[in-house]
Every structure is written in structure tokens, then in C-alpha cells.
């Protein structure tokens, strides 16, 4: 896990939110799965703004009935503290 993912993981644990991590959906692994909601922590290196691969991935996964929330690690790191 990256540092931002670890911060999110710890926040979910501290707040007693049930979740799964690194769940495979289609050919993708998601950061966090909470019921039918996926939370993706987007690091600066792998997930640049307007990433076409992320858009395609989100469309495929949301077509299966999942809600997807992306949190940019640079902008939201302190949200979990």
C-alpha cells in the first residue's frame, strides 16, 4: 500500500467502517470496497489528472453497479486525519 492508501486504511479502521481492500472486479483491483462503493486513492505518479485509462476503468466498473469515488492523494491527504 502507498502512504496515502495506508492513511485511508487506518481512517477506515479507526472509524469502524467495514471494507475490503484490493478486491478484483473484472480485470481490475480496487483500493477499497465498501458495500457497492469503491474508493480509489489516486497518487500523483500513477494517476494524473484526466487519465484516460482511469475513465475507461471507471465506466466498466460502474456499469456493474458500483459507485466510484476518487480521492487525489495530494489534495486530500489531510482529509483522513
N, C-alpha and C. Protein backbone atom coordinates (compact mmCIF):
# COMPACT_ATOMS: atom_id res chain seq x y z
N UNK A 1 0.84 -1.19 0.00
CA UNK A 1 0.00 0.00 0.00
C UNK A 1 0.88 1.24 0.00
N UNK A 2 0.43 2.24 -0.72
CA UNK A 2 1.13 3.52 -0.70
C UNK A 2 0.82 4.24 0.61
N UNK A 3 1.57 5.27 0.91
CA UNK A 3 1.32 6.03 2.14
C UNK A 3 -0.11 6.58 2.17
N UNK A 4 -0.61 7.24 1.11
CA UNK A 4 -1.99 7.73 1.15
C UNK A 4 -3.02 6.61 1.35
N UNK A 5 -2.78 5.44 0.77
CA UNK A 5 -3.68 4.31 0.97
C UNK A 5 -3.64 3.84 2.42
N UNK A 6 -2.46 3.85 3.01
CA UNK A 6 -2.33 3.46 4.42
C UNK A 6 -3.07 4.43 5.33
N UNK A 7 -2.99 5.71 5.02
CA UNK A 7 -3.73 6.72 5.80
C UNK A 7 -5.22 6.46 5.71
N UNK A 8 -5.72 6.19 4.50
CA UNK A 8 -7.14 5.89 4.31
C UNK A 8 -7.52 4.59 5.03
N UNK A 9 -6.69 3.57 4.93
CA UNK A 9 -6.91 2.29 5.60
C UNK A 9 -7.06 2.50 7.10
N UNK A 10 -6.12 3.22 7.69
CA UNK A 10 -6.16 3.49 9.14
C UNK A 10 -7.41 4.27 9.52
N UNK A 11 -7.80 5.25 8.69
CA UNK A 11 -9.00 6.04 8.97
C UNK A 11 -10.25 5.15 8.95
N UNK A 12 -10.34 4.27 8.00
CA UNK A 12 -11.50 3.36 7.91
C UNK A 12 -11.54 2.45 9.14
N UNK A 13 -10.40 1.92 9.55
CA UNK A 13 -10.33 1.07 10.74
C UNK A 13 -10.74 1.86 11.98
N UNK A 14 -10.14 3.04 12.16
CA UNK A 14 -10.43 3.88 13.34
C UNK A 14 -11.90 4.24 13.43
N UNK A 15 -12.56 4.38 12.29
CA UNK A 15 -13.97 4.76 12.27
C UNK A 15 -14.91 3.55 12.15
N UNK A 16 -14.31 2.36 12.32
CA UNK A 16 -15.09 1.11 12.35
C UNK A 16 -15.97 0.91 11.11
N UNK A 17 -15.42 1.27 9.97
CA UNK A 17 -16.13 1.08 8.69
C UNK A 17 -15.67 -0.25 8.10
N UNK A 18 -16.61 -1.12 7.82
CA UNK A 18 -16.28 -2.41 7.23
C UNK A 18 -15.95 -2.22 5.76
N UNK A 19 -14.84 -2.81 5.34
CA UNK A 19 -14.38 -2.66 3.96
C UNK A 19 -13.52 -3.84 3.58
N UNK A 20 -13.30 -3.96 2.29
CA UNK A 20 -12.34 -4.91 1.75
C UNK A 20 -11.33 -4.10 0.95
N UNK A 21 -10.13 -4.63 0.85
CA UNK A 21 -9.11 -3.94 0.09
C UNK A 21 -8.54 -4.87 -0.98
N UNK A 22 -8.15 -4.28 -2.09
CA UNK A 22 -7.58 -5.00 -3.23
C UNK A 22 -8.49 -6.11 -3.73
N UNK A 23 -9.76 -5.78 -3.89
CA UNK A 23 -10.76 -6.71 -4.43
C UNK A 23 -10.69 -6.66 -5.95
N UNK A 24 -10.71 -7.84 -6.58
CA UNK A 24 -10.67 -7.89 -8.03
C UNK A 24 -12.09 -7.79 -8.58
N UNK A 25 -12.31 -6.80 -9.43
CA UNK A 25 -13.57 -6.60 -10.12
C UNK A 25 -13.24 -6.53 -11.60
N UNK A 26 -13.80 -7.47 -12.34
CA UNK A 26 -13.39 -7.68 -13.74
C UNK A 26 -11.89 -7.93 -13.73
N UNK A 27 -11.13 -7.20 -14.49
CA UNK A 27 -9.68 -7.41 -14.51
C UNK A 27 -8.94 -6.37 -13.68
N UNK A 28 -9.67 -5.63 -12.83
CA UNK A 28 -9.09 -4.54 -12.06
C UNK A 28 -9.10 -4.86 -10.56
N UNK A 29 -8.12 -4.35 -9.86
CA UNK A 29 -8.11 -4.41 -8.40
C UNK A 29 -8.43 -3.01 -7.89
N UNK A 30 -9.38 -2.95 -6.95
CA UNK A 30 -9.79 -1.65 -6.41
C UNK A 30 -9.13 -1.46 -5.04
N UNK A 31 -8.88 -0.19 -4.69
CA UNK A 31 -8.22 0.10 -3.42
C UNK A 31 -9.09 -0.30 -2.24
N UNK A 32 -10.32 0.20 -2.20
CA UNK A 32 -11.22 -0.10 -1.09
C UNK A 32 -12.63 -0.34 -1.62
N UNK A 33 -13.27 -1.36 -1.09
CA UNK A 33 -14.66 -1.66 -1.44
C UNK A 33 -15.48 -1.61 -0.16
N UNK A 34 -16.46 -0.70 -0.14
CA UNK A 34 -17.35 -0.54 0.99
C UNK A 34 -18.76 -0.74 0.44
N UNK A 35 -19.34 -1.92 0.73
CA UNK A 35 -20.62 -2.30 0.13
C UNK A 35 -20.50 -2.24 -1.39
N UNK A 36 -21.25 -1.38 -2.06
CA UNK A 36 -21.13 -1.27 -3.53
C UNK A 36 -20.39 0.01 -3.93
N UNK A 37 -19.65 0.57 -2.99
CA UNK A 37 -18.90 1.80 -3.24
C UNK A 37 -17.41 1.50 -3.27
N UNK A 38 -16.77 1.99 -4.30
CA UNK A 38 -15.33 1.83 -4.46
C UNK A 38 -14.67 3.17 -4.17
N UNK A 39 -13.63 3.14 -3.35
CA UNK A 39 -12.85 4.34 -3.07
C UNK A 39 -11.45 4.10 -3.63
N UNK A 40 -11.05 4.95 -4.53
CA UNK A 40 -9.72 4.87 -5.13
C UNK A 40 -8.89 6.04 -4.63
N UNK A 41 -7.71 5.75 -4.12
CA UNK A 41 -6.78 6.79 -3.69
C UNK A 41 -5.79 6.97 -4.83
N UNK A 42 -5.88 8.09 -5.50
CA UNK A 42 -5.06 8.34 -6.68
C UNK A 42 -3.78 9.08 -6.32
N UNK A 43 -2.67 8.38 -6.40
CA UNK A 43 -1.37 9.00 -6.19
C UNK A 43 -0.98 9.83 -7.39
N UNK A 44 -0.08 10.74 -7.16
CA UNK A 44 0.34 11.66 -8.23
C UNK A 44 1.07 10.94 -9.36
N UNK A 45 1.84 9.93 -9.04
CA UNK A 45 2.67 9.27 -10.04
C UNK A 45 1.84 8.45 -11.02
N UNK A 46 0.93 7.61 -10.52
CA UNK A 46 0.18 6.69 -11.37
C UNK A 46 -1.09 7.29 -11.94
N UNK A 47 -1.66 8.28 -11.25
CA UNK A 47 -2.98 8.78 -11.64
C UNK A 47 -2.93 10.29 -11.88
N UNK A 48 -2.55 10.65 -13.05
CA UNK A 48 -2.52 12.06 -13.39
C UNK A 48 -3.93 12.52 -13.74
N UNK A 49 -4.16 13.82 -13.62
CA UNK A 49 -5.49 14.35 -13.93
C UNK A 49 -5.94 13.96 -15.33
N UNK A 50 -7.23 13.68 -15.46
CA UNK A 50 -7.83 13.33 -16.76
C UNK A 50 -7.18 12.11 -17.40
N UNK A 51 -6.87 11.12 -16.59
CA UNK A 51 -6.25 9.89 -17.06
C UNK A 51 -7.29 9.07 -17.83
N UNK A 52 -7.04 8.84 -19.10
CA UNK A 52 -7.99 8.13 -19.96
C UNK A 52 -8.21 6.69 -19.49
N UNK A 53 -7.16 6.03 -19.03
CA UNK A 53 -7.29 4.65 -18.54
C UNK A 53 -8.22 4.59 -17.33
N UNK A 54 -8.11 5.56 -16.43
CA UNK A 54 -8.99 5.60 -15.26
C UNK A 54 -10.44 5.83 -15.67
N UNK A 55 -10.65 6.66 -16.67
CA UNK A 55 -12.02 6.92 -17.15
C UNK A 55 -12.66 5.65 -17.70
N UNK A 56 -11.91 4.92 -18.52
CA UNK A 56 -12.41 3.67 -19.10
C UNK A 56 -12.68 2.65 -18.00
N UNK A 57 -11.75 2.53 -17.08
CA UNK A 57 -11.89 1.61 -15.95
C UNK A 57 -13.14 1.93 -15.14
N UNK A 58 -13.33 3.22 -14.83
CA UNK A 58 -14.50 3.65 -14.05
C UNK A 58 -15.80 3.34 -14.78
N UNK A 59 -15.83 3.55 -16.08
CA UNK A 59 -17.04 3.24 -16.86
C UNK A 59 -17.36 1.76 -16.81
N UNK A 60 -16.35 0.92 -16.97
CA UNK A 60 -16.56 -0.53 -16.95
C UNK A 60 -17.06 -1.00 -15.58
N UNK A 61 -16.45 -0.49 -14.52
CA UNK A 61 -16.82 -0.92 -13.18
C UNK A 61 -18.18 -0.35 -12.78
N UNK A 62 -18.44 0.90 -13.11
CA UNK A 62 -19.74 1.49 -12.73
C UNK A 62 -20.88 0.81 -13.49
N UNK A 63 -20.61 0.28 -14.68
CA UNK A 63 -21.65 -0.45 -15.42
C UNK A 63 -22.08 -1.71 -14.68
N UNK A 64 -21.26 -2.18 -13.74
CA UNK A 64 -21.60 -3.35 -12.94
C UNK A 64 -22.39 -2.98 -11.69
N UNK A 65 -22.68 -1.68 -11.52
CA UNK A 65 -23.49 -1.24 -10.38
C UNK A 65 -22.72 -0.66 -9.22
N UNK A 66 -21.45 -0.40 -9.39
CA UNK A 66 -20.63 0.17 -8.33
C UNK A 66 -20.58 1.69 -8.46
N UNK A 67 -20.52 2.36 -7.31
CA UNK A 67 -20.25 3.80 -7.26
C UNK A 67 -18.75 3.96 -7.02
N UNK A 68 -18.14 4.89 -7.70
CA UNK A 68 -16.70 5.07 -7.60
C UNK A 68 -16.39 6.50 -7.15
N UNK A 69 -15.56 6.58 -6.11
CA UNK A 69 -15.09 7.87 -5.64
C UNK A 69 -13.57 7.87 -5.71
N UNK A 70 -13.03 8.88 -6.34
CA UNK A 70 -11.57 9.02 -6.44
C UNK A 70 -11.12 10.17 -5.55
N UNK A 71 -10.10 9.90 -4.77
CA UNK A 71 -9.52 10.91 -3.89
C UNK A 71 -8.07 11.10 -4.32
N UNK A 72 -7.76 12.29 -4.75
CA UNK A 72 -6.38 12.60 -5.15
C UNK A 72 -5.54 12.78 -3.90
N UNK A 73 -4.50 11.99 -3.77
CA UNK A 73 -3.71 11.96 -2.53
C UNK A 73 -3.09 13.31 -2.21
N UNK A 74 -2.65 14.03 -3.19
CA UNK A 74 -2.00 15.32 -2.94
C UNK A 74 -2.99 16.33 -2.36
N UNK A 75 -4.21 16.32 -2.87
CA UNK A 75 -5.20 17.30 -2.45
C UNK A 75 -5.92 16.91 -1.16
N UNK A 76 -6.07 15.62 -0.90
CA UNK A 76 -6.95 15.17 0.17
C UNK A 76 -6.24 14.43 1.30
N UNK A 77 -4.95 14.40 1.32
CA UNK A 77 -4.21 13.61 2.30
C UNK A 77 -4.67 13.90 3.72
N UNK A 78 -4.91 15.16 4.05
CA UNK A 78 -5.29 15.51 5.42
C UNK A 78 -6.75 15.24 5.73
N UNK A 79 -7.54 14.87 4.76
CA UNK A 79 -8.96 14.59 4.99
C UNK A 79 -9.15 13.40 5.90
N UNK A 80 -8.19 12.49 5.93
CA UNK A 80 -8.33 11.27 6.71
C UNK A 80 -7.73 11.41 8.10
N UNK A 81 -7.19 12.55 8.44
CA UNK A 81 -6.57 12.70 9.77
C UNK A 81 -7.51 13.33 10.75
